[in-house]
PDB file of N, CA and C in Angstrom:
ATOM      1  N   MET A   1     -11.397   4.485 -82.733  1.00  0.00           N
ATOM      2  CA  MET A   1     -12.201   4.648 -81.602  1.00  0.00           C
ATOM      3  C   MET A   1     -11.195   4.464 -80.396  1.00  0.00           C
ATOM      4  N   LYS A   2     -11.174   5.413 -79.359  1.00  0.00           N
ATOM      5  CA  LYS A   2     -10.324   5.374 -78.304  1.00  0.00           C
ATOM      6  C   LYS A   2     -11.057   4.712 -77.063  1.00  0.00           C
ATOM      7  N   VAL A   3     -10.567   3.696 -76.556  1.00  0.00           N
ATOM      8  CA  VAL A   3     -11.251   3.153 -75.382  1.00  0.00           C
ATOM      9  C   VAL A   3     -10.232   3.362 -74.079  1.00  0.00           C
ATOM     10  N   GLY A   4     -10.618   3.951 -73.118  1.00  0.00           N
ATOM     11  CA  GLY A   4      -9.911   4.149 -72.041  1.00  0.00           C
ATOM     12  C   GLY A   4      -9.607   2.965 -71.047  1.00  0.00           C
ATOM     13  N   VAL A   5      -8.583   3.037 -70.137  1.00  0.00           N
ATOM     14  CA  VAL A   5      -8.279   1.932 -69.378  1.00  0.00           C
ATOM     15  C   VAL A   5      -9.359   1.512 -68.519  1.00  0.00           C
ATOM     16  N   CYS A   6     -10.292   2.638 -68.394  1.00  0.00           N
ATOM     17  CA  CYS A   6     -11.673   2.335 -67.521  1.00  0.00           C
ATOM     18  C   CYS A   6     -12.564   1.381 -68.380  1.00  0.00           C
ATOM     19  N   GLY A   7     -12.380   1.251 -69.680  1.00  0.00           N
ATOM     20  CA  GLY A   7     -13.223   0.478 -70.495  1.00  0.00           C
ATOM     21  C   GLY A   7     -14.323   1.380 -71.249  1.00  0.00           C
ATOM     22  N   ILE A   8     -14.309   2.551 -71.117  1.00  0.00           N
ATOM     23  CA  ILE A   8     -15.350   3.352 -71.614  1.00  0.00           C
ATOM     24  C   ILE A   8     -14.712   3.992 -72.953  1.00  0.00           C
ATOM     25  N   TYR A   9     -15.542   4.083 -73.879  1.00  0.00           N
ATOM     26  CA  TYR A   9     -15.127   4.864 -75.361  1.00  0.00           C
ATOM     27  C   TYR A   9     -15.073   6.288 -74.915  1.00  0.00           C
ATOM     28  N   CYS A  10     -13.919   6.853 -74.941  1.00  0.00           N
ATOM     29  CA  CYS A  10     -13.658   8.286 -74.468  1.00  0.00           C
ATOM     30  C   CYS A  10     -14.600   9.250 -75.150  1.00  0.00           C
ATOM     31  N   GLU A  11     -14.904   9.263 -76.412  1.00  0.00           N
ATOM     32  CA  GLU A  11     -15.816  10.277 -76.961  1.00  0.00           C
ATOM     33  C   GLU A  11     -17.259  10.387 -76.547  1.00  0.00           C
ATOM     34  N   LYS A  12     -17.401   9.210 -75.861  1.00  0.00           N
ATOM     35  CA  LYS A  12     -18.920   9.086 -75.335  1.00  0.00           C
ATOM     36  C   LYS A  12     -19.060   9.285 -73.748  1.00  0.00           C
ATOM     37  N   CYS A  13     -17.779   9.386 -73.116  1.00  0.00           N
ATOM     38  CA  CYS A  13     -17.606   9.415 -71.643  1.00  0.00           C
ATOM     39  C   CYS A  13     -18.121  10.739 -71.117  1.00  0.00           C
ATOM     40  N   PRO A  14     -19.144  10.792 -70.139  1.00  0.00           N
ATOM     41  CA  PRO A  14     -19.436  12.138 -69.599  1.00  0.00           C
ATOM     42  C   PRO A  14     -18.394  12.887 -69.036  1.00  0.00           C
ATOM     43  N   LYS A  15     -17.490  12.280 -68.351  1.00  0.00           N
ATOM     44  CA  LYS A  15     -16.407  12.953 -67.647  1.00  0.00           C
ATOM     45  C   LYS A  15     -15.269  13.566 -68.648  1.00  0.00           C
ATOM     46  N   PHE A  16     -15.222  12.747 -69.705  1.00  0.00           N
ATOM     47  CA  PHE A  16     -14.252  13.307 -70.829  1.00  0.00           C
ATOM     48  C   PHE A  16     -14.866  14.440 -71.415  1.00  0.00           C
ATOM     49  N   LEU A  17     -16.265  14.332 -71.756  1.00  0.00           N
ATOM     50  CA  LEU A  17     -16.814  15.332 -72.398  1.00  0.00           C
ATOM     51  C   LEU A  17     -17.000  16.759 -71.658  1.00  0.00           C
ATOM     52  N   LYS A  18     -17.074  16.578 -70.181  1.00  0.00           N
ATOM     53  CA  LYS A  18     -16.969  17.788 -69.403  1.00  0.00           C
ATOM     54  C   LYS A  18     -15.608  18.233 -68.941  1.00  0.00           C
ATOM     55  N   LYS A  19     -14.667  17.562 -69.552  1.00  0.00           N
ATOM     56  CA  LYS A  19     -13.188  18.019 -69.331  1.00  0.00           C
ATOM     57  C   LYS A  19     -12.887  17.605 -67.918  1.00  0.00           C
ATOM     58  N   GLN A  20     -13.516  16.615 -67.379  1.00  0.00           N
ATOM     59  CA  GLN A  20     -12.988  16.140 -66.035  1.00  0.00           C
ATOM     60  C   GLN A  20     -12.064  14.961 -66.054  1.00  0.00           C
ATOM     61  N   CYS A  21     -11.707  14.583 -67.316  1.00  0.00           N
ATOM     62  CA  CYS A  21     -10.748  13.584 -67.639  1.00  0.00           C
ATOM     63  C   CYS A  21     -10.057  13.990 -68.746  1.00  0.00           C
ATOM     64  N   SER A  22      -8.753  13.988 -68.808  1.00  0.00           N
ATOM     65  CA  SER A  22      -7.983  14.449 -69.952  1.00  0.00           C
ATOM     66  C   SER A  22      -7.442  13.145 -70.754  1.00  0.00           C
ATOM     67  N   GLY A  23      -7.920  12.012 -70.523  1.00  0.00           N
ATOM     68  CA  GLY A  23      -7.541  10.733 -71.181  1.00  0.00           C
ATOM     69  C   GLY A  23      -6.516   9.925 -70.407  1.00  0.00           C
ATOM     70  N   CYS A  24      -6.055   8.980 -71.088  1.00  0.00           N
ATOM     71  CA  CYS A  24      -5.161   7.900 -70.337  1.00  0.00           C
ATOM     72  C   CYS A  24      -3.777   8.235 -70.278  1.00  0.00           C
ATOM     73  N   GLY A  25      -3.195   9.447 -70.672  1.00  0.00           N
ATOM     74  CA  GLY A  25      -1.849   9.707 -70.380  1.00  0.00           C
ATOM     75  C   GLY A  25      -1.664  10.043 -69.066  1.00  0.00           C
ATOM     76  N   LEU A  26      -0.688  10.948 -68.833  1.00  0.00           N
ATOM     77  CA  LEU A  26      -0.683  11.443 -67.475  1.00  0.00           C
ATOM     78  C   LEU A  26      -1.955  12.336 -67.094  1.00  0.00           C
ATOM     79  N   ASN A  27      -2.691  11.956 -66.126  1.00  0.00           N
ATOM     80  CA  ASN A  27      -3.881  12.470 -65.894  1.00  0.00           C
ATOM     81  C   ASN A  27      -4.059  12.874 -64.390  1.00  0.00           C
ATOM     82  N   PRO A  28      -4.145  14.249 -64.110  1.00  0.00           N
ATOM     83  CA  PRO A  28      -4.087  14.649 -62.784  1.00  0.00           C
ATOM     84  C   PRO A  28      -5.468  14.265 -62.033  1.00  0.00           C
ATOM     85  N   VAL A  29      -6.599  14.117 -62.800  1.00  0.00           N
ATOM     86  CA  VAL A  29      -7.951  13.900 -62.311  1.00  0.00           C
ATOM     87  C   VAL A  29      -8.123  12.531 -62.180  1.00  0.00           C
ATOM     88  N   CYS A  30      -7.731  11.592 -62.843  1.00  0.00           N
ATOM     89  CA  CYS A  30      -8.199  10.073 -62.784  1.00  0.00           C
ATOM     90  C   CYS A  30      -6.873   9.303 -62.551  1.00  0.00           C
ATOM     91  N   LYS A  31      -7.088   8.446 -61.370  1.00  0.00           N
ATOM     92  CA  LYS A  31      -6.009   7.571 -61.127  1.00  0.00           C
ATOM     93  C   LYS A  31      -5.852   6.276 -61.876  1.00  0.00           C
ATOM     94  N   MET A  32      -6.934   5.911 -62.787  1.00  0.00           N
ATOM     95  CA  MET A  32      -6.898   4.598 -63.262  1.00  0.00           C
ATOM     96  C   MET A  32      -5.807   4.292 -64.308  1.00  0.00           C
ATOM     97  N   PRO A  33      -5.429   5.207 -65.127  1.00  0.00           N
ATOM     98  CA  PRO A  33      -4.296   4.982 -66.030  1.00  0.00           C
ATOM     99  C   PRO A  33      -2.936   4.633 -65.248  1.00  0.00           C
ATOM    100  N   ALA A  34      -2.618   5.470 -64.267  1.00  0.00           N
ATOM    101  CA  ALA A  34      -1.278   5.011 -63.475  1.00  0.00           C
ATOM    102  C   ALA A  34      -1.639   3.547 -62.829  1.00  0.00           C
ATOM    103  N   CYS A  35      -2.840   3.272 -62.278  1.00  0.00           N
ATOM    104  CA  CYS A  35      -2.900   2.073 -61.593  1.00  0.00           C
ATOM    105  C   CYS A  35      -2.841   0.978 -62.476  1.00  0.00           C
ATOM    106  N   ALA A  36      -3.466   1.041 -63.809  1.00  0.00           N
ATOM    107  CA  ALA A  36      -3.451   0.010 -64.796  1.00  0.00           C
ATOM    108  C   ALA A  36      -1.885  -0.260 -65.195  1.00  0.00           C
ATOM    109  N   LYS A  37      -1.258   0.712 -65.481  1.00  0.00           N
ATOM    110  CA  LYS A  37       0.134   0.721 -65.802  1.00  0.00           C
ATOM    111  C   LYS A  37       0.865   0.003 -64.562  1.00  0.00           C
ATOM    112  N   GLU A  38       0.660   0.289 -63.392  1.00  0.00           N
ATOM    113  CA  GLU A  38       1.331  -0.389 -62.192  1.00  0.00           C
ATOM    114  C   GLU A  38       0.988  -1.902 -62.187  1.00  0.00           C
ATOM    115  N   LYS A  39      -0.296  -2.130 -62.500  1.00  0.00           N
ATOM    116  CA  LYS A  39      -0.635  -3.555 -62.376  1.00  0.00           C
ATOM    117  C   LYS A  39      -0.442  -4.453 -63.604  1.00  0.00           C
ATOM    118  N   GLY A  40      -0.011  -3.630 -64.607  1.00  0.00           N
ATOM    119  CA  GLY A  40       0.472  -4.411 -65.958  1.00  0.00           C
ATOM    120  C   GLY A  40      -0.831  -4.869 -66.753  1.00  0.00           C
ATOM    121  N   VAL A  41      -1.897  -4.073 -66.731  1.00  0.00           N
ATOM    122  CA  VAL A  41      -2.996  -4.382 -67.560  1.00  0.00           C
ATOM    123  C   VAL A  41      -3.396  -3.282 -68.393  1.00  0.00           C
ATOM    124  N   GLU A  42      -3.956  -3.661 -69.606  1.00  0.00           N
ATOM    125  CA  GLU A  42      -4.397  -2.499 -70.508  1.00  0.00           C
ATOM    126  C   GLU A  42      -5.629  -1.927 -70.175  1.00  0.00           C
ATOM    127  N   ILE A  43      -6.552  -2.667 -69.585  1.00  0.00           N
ATOM    128  CA  ILE A  43      -7.950  -2.113 -69.082  1.00  0.00           C
ATOM    129  C   ILE A  43      -8.155  -2.686 -67.801  1.00  0.00           C
ATOM    130  N   CYS A  44      -8.947  -2.024 -67.044  1.00  0.00           N
ATOM    131  CA  CYS A  44      -9.288  -2.377 -65.635  1.00  0.00           C
ATOM    132  C   CYS A  44      -9.954  -3.815 -65.648  1.00  0.00           C
ATOM    133  N   PHE A  45     -10.821  -4.005 -66.592  1.00  0.00           N
ATOM    134  CA  PHE A  45     -11.574  -5.290 -66.635  1.00  0.00           C
ATOM    135  C   PHE A  45     -10.778  -6.535 -66.598  1.00  0.00           C
ATOM    136  N   ASN A  46      -9.376  -6.280 -66.974  1.00  0.00           N
ATOM    137  CA  ASN A  46      -8.540  -7.398 -67.115  1.00  0.00           C
ATOM    138  C   ASN A  46      -7.641  -7.625 -65.787  1.00  0.00           C
ATOM    139  N   CYS A  47      -7.875  -6.721 -64.917  1.00  0.00           N
ATOM    140  CA  CYS A  47      -7.135  -6.752 -63.366  1.00  0.00           C
ATOM    141  C   CYS A  47      -7.813  -7.744 -62.635  1.00  0.00           C
ATOM    142  N   PRO A  48      -6.912  -8.625 -61.924  1.00  0.00           N
ATOM    143  CA  PRO A  48      -7.550  -9.473 -61.118  1.00  0.00           C
ATOM    144  C   PRO A  48      -8.314  -8.777 -59.749  1.00  0.00           C
ATOM    145  N   GLU A  49      -7.895  -7.482 -59.534  1.00  0.00           N
ATOM    146  CA  GLU A  49      -8.601  -6.740 -58.569  1.00  0.00           C
ATOM    147  C   GLU A  49      -9.822  -6.085 -58.828  1.00  0.00           C
ATOM    148  N   PHE A  50     -10.254  -6.159 -60.210  1.00  0.00           N
ATOM    149  CA  PHE A  50     -11.473  -5.485 -60.667  1.00  0.00           C
ATOM    150  C   PHE A  50     -12.758  -6.109 -60.062  1.00  0.00           C
ATOM    151  N   PRO A  51     -13.662  -5.237 -59.610  1.00  0.00           N
ATOM    152  CA  PRO A  51     -13.596  -3.773 -59.342  1.00  0.00           C
ATOM    153  C   PRO A  51     -12.987  -3.483 -58.114  1.00  0.00           C
ATOM    154  N   CYS A  52     -12.329  -2.412 -58.195  1.00  0.00           N
ATOM    155  CA  CYS A  52     -11.460  -1.917 -56.998  1.00  0.00           C
ATOM    156  C   CYS A  52     -12.075  -0.634 -56.544  1.00  0.00           C
ATOM    157  N   PHE A  53     -11.608  -0.075 -55.466  1.00  0.00           N
ATOM    158  CA  PHE A  53     -12.162   1.217 -54.976  1.00  0.00           C
ATOM    159  C   PHE A  53     -12.106   2.512 -56.061  1.00  0.00           C
ATOM    160  N   LEU A  54     -11.078   2.372 -57.129  1.00  0.00           N
ATOM    161  CA  LEU A  54     -10.941   3.270 -58.142  1.00  0.00           C
ATOM    162  C   LEU A  54     -12.192   3.214 -59.032  1.00  0.00           C
ATOM    163  N   ASN A  55     -12.735   2.044 -59.296  1.00  0.00           N
ATOM    164  CA  ASN A  55     -13.981   1.829 -60.065  1.00  0.00           C
ATOM    165  C   ASN A  55     -15.126   2.240 -59.521  1.00  0.00           C
ATOM    166  N   TYR A  56     -15.209   2.059 -58.233  1.00  0.00           N
ATOM    167  CA  TYR A  56     -16.413   2.334 -57.374  1.00  0.00           C
ATOM    168  C   TYR A  56     -16.421   3.948 -57.236  1.00  0.00           C
ATOM    169  N   GLU A  57     -15.368   4.601 -57.443  1.00  0.00           N
ATOM    170  CA  GLU A  57     -15.355   6.065 -57.355  1.00  0.00           C
ATOM    171  C   GLU A  57     -15.878   6.660 -58.680  1.00  0.00           C
ATOM    172  N   PHE A  58     -15.709   5.886 -59.834  1.00  0.00           N
ATOM    173  CA  PHE A  58     -15.928   6.316 -61.189  1.00  0.00           C
ATOM    174  C   PHE A  58     -17.430   5.731 -61.689  1.00  0.00           C
ATOM    175  N   PHE A  59     -17.772   4.652 -61.320  1.00  0.00           N
ATOM    176  CA  PHE A  59     -18.855   3.963 -62.039  1.00  0.00           C
ATOM    177  C   PHE A  59     -19.973   3.789 -60.852  1.00  0.00           C
ATOM    178  N   SER A  60     -21.046   3.595 -61.204  1.00  0.00           N
ATOM    179  CA  SER A  60     -22.065   3.385 -60.155  1.00  0.00           C
ATOM    180  C   SER A  60     -22.030   1.882 -59.521  1.00  0.00           C
ATOM    181  N   LYS A  61     -22.297   1.799 -58.215  1.00  0.00           N
ATOM    182  CA  LYS A  61     -22.168   0.768 -57.432  1.00  0.00           C
ATOM    183  C   LYS A  61     -22.932  -0.590 -58.139  1.00  0.00           C
ATOM    184  N   SER A  62     -24.311  -0.237 -58.503  1.00  0.00           N
ATOM    185  CA  SER A  62     -25.137  -1.204 -59.043  1.00  0.00           C
ATOM    186  C   SER A  62     -24.422  -1.814 -60.362  1.00  0.00           C
ATOM    187  N   TRP A  63     -24.028  -0.897 -61.261  1.00  0.00           N
ATOM    188  CA  TRP A  63     -23.389  -1.404 -62.496  1.00  0.00           C
ATOM    189  C   TRP A  63     -22.153  -2.353 -62.164  1.00  0.00           C
ATOM    190  N   LEU A  64     -21.201  -1.979 -61.276  1.00  0.00           N
ATOM    191  CA  LEU A  64     -20.042  -2.723 -61.059  1.00  0.00           C
ATOM    192  C   LEU A  64     -20.384  -3.998 -60.317  1.00  0.00           C
ATOM    193  N   ASP A  65     -21.495  -3.927 -59.314  1.00  0.00           N
ATOM    194  CA  ASP A  65     -21.898  -5.240 -58.784  1.00  0.00           C
ATOM    195  C   ASP A  65     -22.448  -6.317 -59.846  1.00  0.00           C
ATOM    196  N   PHE A  66     -23.351  -5.596 -60.847  1.00  0.00           N
ATOM    197  CA  PHE A  66     -23.759  -6.529 -61.885  1.00  0.00           C
ATOM    198  C   PHE A  66     -22.626  -7.040 -62.704  1.00  0.00           C
ATOM    199  N   LEU A  67     -21.450  -6.401 -62.962  1.00  0.00           N
ATOM    200  CA  LEU A  67     -20.538  -6.945 -63.662  1.00  0.00           C
ATOM    201  C   LEU A  67     -19.750  -7.954 -63.014  1.00  0.00           C
ATOM    202  N   LYS A  68     -19.494  -7.835 -61.724  1.00  0.00           N
ATOM    203  CA  LYS A  68     -18.792  -8.918 -61.010  1.00  0.00           C
ATOM    204  C   LYS A  68     -19.799 -10.059 -60.697  1.00  0.00           C
ATOM    205  N   SER A  69     -21.137  -9.993 -60.849  1.00  0.00           N
ATOM    206  CA  SER A  69     -21.890 -11.144 -60.471  1.00  0.00           C
ATOM    207  C   SER A  69     -21.902 -12.326 -61.473  1.00  0.00           C
ATOM    208  N   ASP A  70     -22.403 -13.405 -60.936  1.00  0.00           N
ATOM    209  CA  ASP A  70     -22.213 -14.553 -61.888  1.00  0.00           C
ATOM    210  C   ASP A  70     -23.039 -14.467 -63.141  1.00  0.00           C
ATOM    211  N   LYS A  71     -23.923 -13.417 -63.365  1.00  0.00           N
ATOM    212  CA  LYS A  71     -24.579 -13.363 -64.570  1.00  0.00           C
ATOM    213  C   LYS A  71     -23.661 -12.717 -65.700  1.00  0.00           C
ATOM    214  N   VAL A  72     -22.523 -12.198 -65.423  1.00  0.00           N
ATOM    215  CA  VAL A  72     -21.577 -11.720 -66.314  1.00  0.00           C
ATOM    216  C   VAL A  72     -20.247 -12.535 -66.165  1.00  0.00           C
ATOM    217  N   VAL A  73     -19.669 -12.688 -65.137  1.00  0.00           N
ATOM    218  CA  VAL A  73     -18.328 -13.339 -64.999  1.00  0.00           C
ATOM    219  C   VAL A  73     -18.573 -14.709 -64.416  1.00  0.00           C
ATOM    220  N   GLY A  74     -17.930 -15.655 -65.033  1.00  0.00           N
ATOM    221  CA  GLY A  74     -17.738 -17.042 -64.465  1.00  0.00           C
ATOM    222  C   GLY A  74     -18.653 -17.727 -63.897  1.00  0.00           C
TER     223      GLY A  74
END
């Protein structure tokens, strides 16, 4: 099972299935793999800046706001 740096199981990701994401290697469509590598994290959720503007471009605002709320984190 391959989980991308974005935290999604690739084979179930709508963007991956529509060929809008080529995976976590060099990816001309998604900036998340390069960002994670630059920040030294394996997945975005481990980044101290999560959620950042890249996440908000990819995921729904309500979902990210839920993840960063006290209900889920700390």
